[in-house]
Amino acid sequence: MSFNLHPVINNGISKGDPSFSGGSLHCHCKASPVTISLTSNISHNHACGCSKCWKPSGAIFSIVGVVPRGSLSVTSGNEKLFVVDSTAVIRRHACKECKVHLFGRIEQEHAFYGLDFVHVELSEEKGWQEVQFAAFVSSTIEQGLVAAEEADLVRGQIKKLGLETYDALSPGLMDAIAVFTAKKNGVLRESKL
């Protein structure tokens, strides 16, 4: 059994170019698309199974990476953008017409404040960092995208692509959240290494 994970990864992972320096993202509107300019490559590019991220029709994962907030600018169509859920930690900005999410931004104190979340599949340029892991795999069950009995088949398909699967974020990103929380609580321990 094969699942439509996402069109970007269904047939394998394309390696990115470490020296790639950015490009443009466009919503799906044919006339007057929203355009976003990124002046850097992305980091932490991953397949995300959460219920909040935008996914192409039929896909069970989104593909999302991050850029420093200062690397992103809206270059056209700003008036077409709306915030999907203003109560969410990541405020996803989508096109009012085609509903495609262009970027997500954190506006509150958070470990990932200063990073914007983007979907570089919306770019025509090649060289973006490749997908590096899959996050929130079990969330595909709670959305009704896969049956509980199929979750391990999904994980197996992802692992055949050479990616690790997590039911949260990757260990490095989870550590970043933990460091942020420990600092905030005044309990961050210094390493003895």
Protein backbone atom coordinates (compact mmCIF):
# COMPACT_ATOMS: atom_id res chain seq x y z
CA MET A 1 0.00 0.00 0.00
CA SER A 2 1.33 3.43 -0.95
CA PHE A 3 0.15 6.74 0.52
CA ASN A 4 0.15 10.20 -1.05
CA LEU A 5 2.59 11.64 1.48
CA HIS A 6 3.20 14.85 -0.50
CA PRO A 7 4.01 15.43 -4.18
CA VAL A 8 7.47 16.79 -3.28
CA ILE A 9 8.56 13.53 -1.63
CA ASN A 10 6.34 10.78 -3.09
CA ASN A 11 9.03 9.82 -5.63
CA GLY A 12 12.10 10.44 -3.48
CA ILE A 13 14.04 13.24 -1.85
CA SER A 14 15.79 15.82 -4.03
CA LYS A 15 19.01 17.09 -2.46
CA GLY A 16 19.18 20.84 -1.87
CA ASP A 17 22.08 23.17 -2.56
CA PRO A 18 23.81 24.37 0.65
CA SER A 19 24.84 27.60 -1.13
CA PHE A 20 21.31 28.39 -2.32
CA SER A 21 20.41 31.93 -1.24
CA GLY A 22 16.63 32.18 -1.55
CA GLY A 23 13.86 32.90 -4.00
CA SER A 24 10.16 33.68 -4.30
CA LEU A 25 7.01 31.87 -3.21
CA HIS A 26 3.68 32.36 -4.97
CA CYS A 27 0.13 31.44 -4.01
CA HIS A 28 -1.96 29.44 -6.51
CA CYS A 29 -3.88 32.41 -7.92
CA LYS A 30 -3.28 32.73 -11.68
CA ALA A 31 -4.05 36.47 -11.70
CA SER A 32 -2.35 38.71 -9.13
CA PRO A 33 -0.76 36.03 -6.91
CA VAL A 34 0.57 36.81 -3.46
CA THR A 35 4.37 36.77 -3.72
CA ILE A 36 6.80 36.27 -0.86
CA SER A 37 10.54 36.91 -1.17
CA LEU A 38 13.01 34.87 0.90
CA THR A 39 16.61 36.14 1.04
CA SER A 40 17.98 32.93 2.57
CA ASN A 41 17.66 29.20 2.26
CA ILE A 42 15.40 27.37 4.71
CA SER A 43 16.32 25.22 7.72
CA HIS A 44 14.63 22.26 9.39
CA ASN A 45 12.66 21.41 6.25
CA HIS A 46 10.28 18.59 7.12
CA ALA A 47 7.11 16.74 6.29
CA CYS A 48 4.51 17.77 8.88
CA GLY A 49 1.40 15.75 9.67
CA CYS A 50 -0.15 18.28 12.07
CA SER A 51 -3.72 19.49 11.57
CA LYS A 52 -2.77 23.18 11.19
CA CYS A 53 -0.27 23.17 8.31
CA TRP A 54 -1.49 23.65 4.73
CA LYS A 55 -1.35 20.53 2.60
CA PRO A 56 -1.95 20.17 -1.14
CA SER A 57 -5.19 18.38 -2.03
CA GLY A 58 -4.94 14.65 -1.27
CA ALA A 59 -1.60 14.82 0.56
CA ILE A 60 -1.39 13.65 4.18
CA PHE A 61 1.66 15.84 5.00
CA SER A 62 2.70 19.41 4.40
CA ILE A 63 6.29 20.33 3.63
CA VAL A 64 7.49 23.19 5.83
CA GLY A 65 10.82 24.82 6.64
CA VAL A 66 11.87 27.93 8.53
CA VAL A 67 13.72 31.14 7.70
CA PRO A 68 14.82 34.00 9.93
CA ARG A 69 11.98 36.51 10.16
CA GLY A 70 14.14 39.23 8.57
CA SER A 71 14.64 37.06 5.49
CA LEU A 72 10.95 37.16 4.52
CA SER A 73 9.05 39.98 2.87
CA VAL A 74 5.70 40.18 1.11
CA THR A 75 6.48 41.64 -2.32
CA SER A 76 2.97 41.60 -3.83
CA GLY A 77 -0.60 40.87 -2.79
CA ASN A 78 -0.26 41.76 0.89
CA GLU A 79 -3.89 42.94 0.87
CA LYS A 80 -4.99 39.39 -0.04
CA LEU A 81 -3.41 37.82 3.06
CA PHE A 82 -5.38 36.88 6.16
CA VAL A 83 -4.44 35.10 9.40
CA VAL A 84 -6.08 31.65 9.43
CA ASP A 85 -6.28 31.37 13.25
CA SER A 86 -5.19 34.35 15.36
CA THR A 87 -5.25 32.20 18.54
CA ALA A 88 -2.67 29.71 17.22
CA VAL A 89 0.97 30.02 18.28
CA ILE A 90 1.99 30.06 14.62
CA ARG A 91 -0.19 32.61 12.85
CA ARG A 92 -0.50 31.22 9.37
CA HIS A 93 -0.96 33.84 6.63
CA ALA A 94 -2.99 32.55 3.69
CA CYS A 95 -4.37 33.98 0.46
CA LYS A 96 -8.05 34.96 0.79
CA GLU A 97 -8.76 33.69 -2.71
CA CYS A 98 -6.92 30.37 -3.17
CA LYS A 99 -6.49 29.63 0.59
CA VAL A 100 -2.82 28.62 0.15
CA HIS A 101 -0.70 29.32 3.26
CA LEU A 102 2.29 31.49 2.37
CA PHE A 103 3.98 31.83 5.76
CA GLY A 104 3.47 31.37 9.47
CA ARG A 105 4.79 33.77 12.09
CA ILE A 106 5.06 33.54 15.88
CA GLU A 107 4.09 36.81 17.60
CA GLN A 108 4.48 35.73 21.24
CA GLU A 109 7.31 34.60 23.51
CA HIS A 110 8.31 31.19 22.16
CA ALA A 111 11.42 29.14 21.45
CA PHE A 112 10.87 29.67 17.72
CA TYR A 113 10.14 33.40 17.88
CA GLY A 114 12.06 35.10 15.08
CA LEU A 115 11.54 32.22 12.63
CA ASP A 116 8.93 32.21 9.88
CA PHE A 117 7.47 28.95 8.61
CA VAL A 118 7.25 28.60 4.83
CA HIS A 119 6.27 26.15 2.08
CA VAL A 120 9.03 26.28 -0.54
CA GLU A 121 7.06 23.97 -2.82
CA LEU A 122 5.41 27.29 -3.78
CA SER A 123 8.69 28.34 -5.42
CA GLU A 124 9.83 27.75 -8.97
CA GLU A 125 13.51 28.00 -7.94
CA LYS A 126 15.48 24.83 -7.20
CA GLY A 127 18.07 24.41 -4.45
CA TRP A 128 16.00 24.72 -1.29
CA GLN A 129 17.11 22.50 1.61
CA GLU A 130 15.75 19.01 1.17
CA VAL A 131 13.16 17.46 3.48
CA GLN A 132 15.05 16.10 6.49
CA PHE A 133 12.50 14.34 8.71
CA ALA A 134 8.77 13.75 9.23
CA ALA A 135 7.01 15.25 12.26
CA PHE A 136 3.64 14.65 13.91
CA VAL A 137 3.08 11.41 12.02
CA SER A 138 0.45 10.17 14.49
CA SER A 139 -1.56 13.38 13.95
CA THR A 140 -2.57 12.00 10.55
CA ILE A 141 -4.69 9.45 12.46
CA GLU A 142 -6.63 12.04 14.48
CA GLN A 143 -7.44 13.95 11.27
CA GLY A 144 -8.86 10.82 9.65
CA LEU A 145 -6.18 10.88 6.93
CA VAL A 146 -4.99 7.35 7.78
CA ALA A 147 -6.37 4.55 9.93
CA ALA A 148 -4.53 3.72 13.15
CA GLU A 149 -3.60 0.35 11.63
CA GLU A 150 -2.00 2.15 8.67
CA ALA A 151 0.26 4.49 10.68
CA ASP A 152 3.18 2.06 10.72
CA LEU A 153 2.81 1.61 6.95
CA VAL A 154 3.07 5.41 6.57
CA ARG A 155 6.16 5.42 8.82
CA GLY A 156 7.66 2.61 6.74
CA GLN A 157 7.05 4.52 3.50
CA ILE A 158 8.71 7.60 5.00
CA LYS A 159 11.68 5.58 6.26
CA LYS A 160 12.18 4.11 2.77
CA LEU A 161 12.77 7.72 1.67
CA GLY A 162 15.62 7.89 4.19
CA LEU A 163 13.75 10.08 6.69
CA GLU A 164 13.25 9.62 10.42
CA THR A 165 9.70 9.77 11.73
CA TYR A 166 8.61 11.52 14.91
CA ASP A 167 5.32 12.05 16.67
CA ALA A 168 6.57 15.48 17.76
CA LEU A 169 9.46 17.44 16.21
CA SER A 170 13.01 16.23 15.65
CA PRO A 171 15.21 15.86 18.78
CA GLY A 172 17.17 19.05 17.97
CA LEU A 173 14.00 21.14 17.71
CA MET A 174 12.50 19.55 20.84
CA ASP A 175 15.78 20.37 22.65
CA ALA A 176 15.47 24.00 21.50
CA ILE A 177 11.99 24.17 23.04
CA ALA A 178 13.28 22.57 26.26
CA VAL A 179 16.22 25.03 26.50
CA PHE A 180 13.83 27.94 25.99
CA THR A 181 11.56 26.62 28.75
CA ALA A 182 14.46 25.90 31.14
CA LYS A 183 15.84 29.43 30.63
CA LYS A 184 12.40 30.95 31.17
CA ASN A 185 12.04 28.95 34.40
CA GLY A 186 15.59 29.77 35.55
CA VAL A 187 16.64 26.11 35.69
CA LEU A 188 18.92 25.76 32.65
CA ARG A 189 21.86 23.66 33.76
CA GLU A 190 25.36 24.40 32.46
CA SER A 191 27.14 21.52 30.75
CA LYS A 192 30.02 19.82 32.57
CA LEU A 193 31.49 18.61 29.28
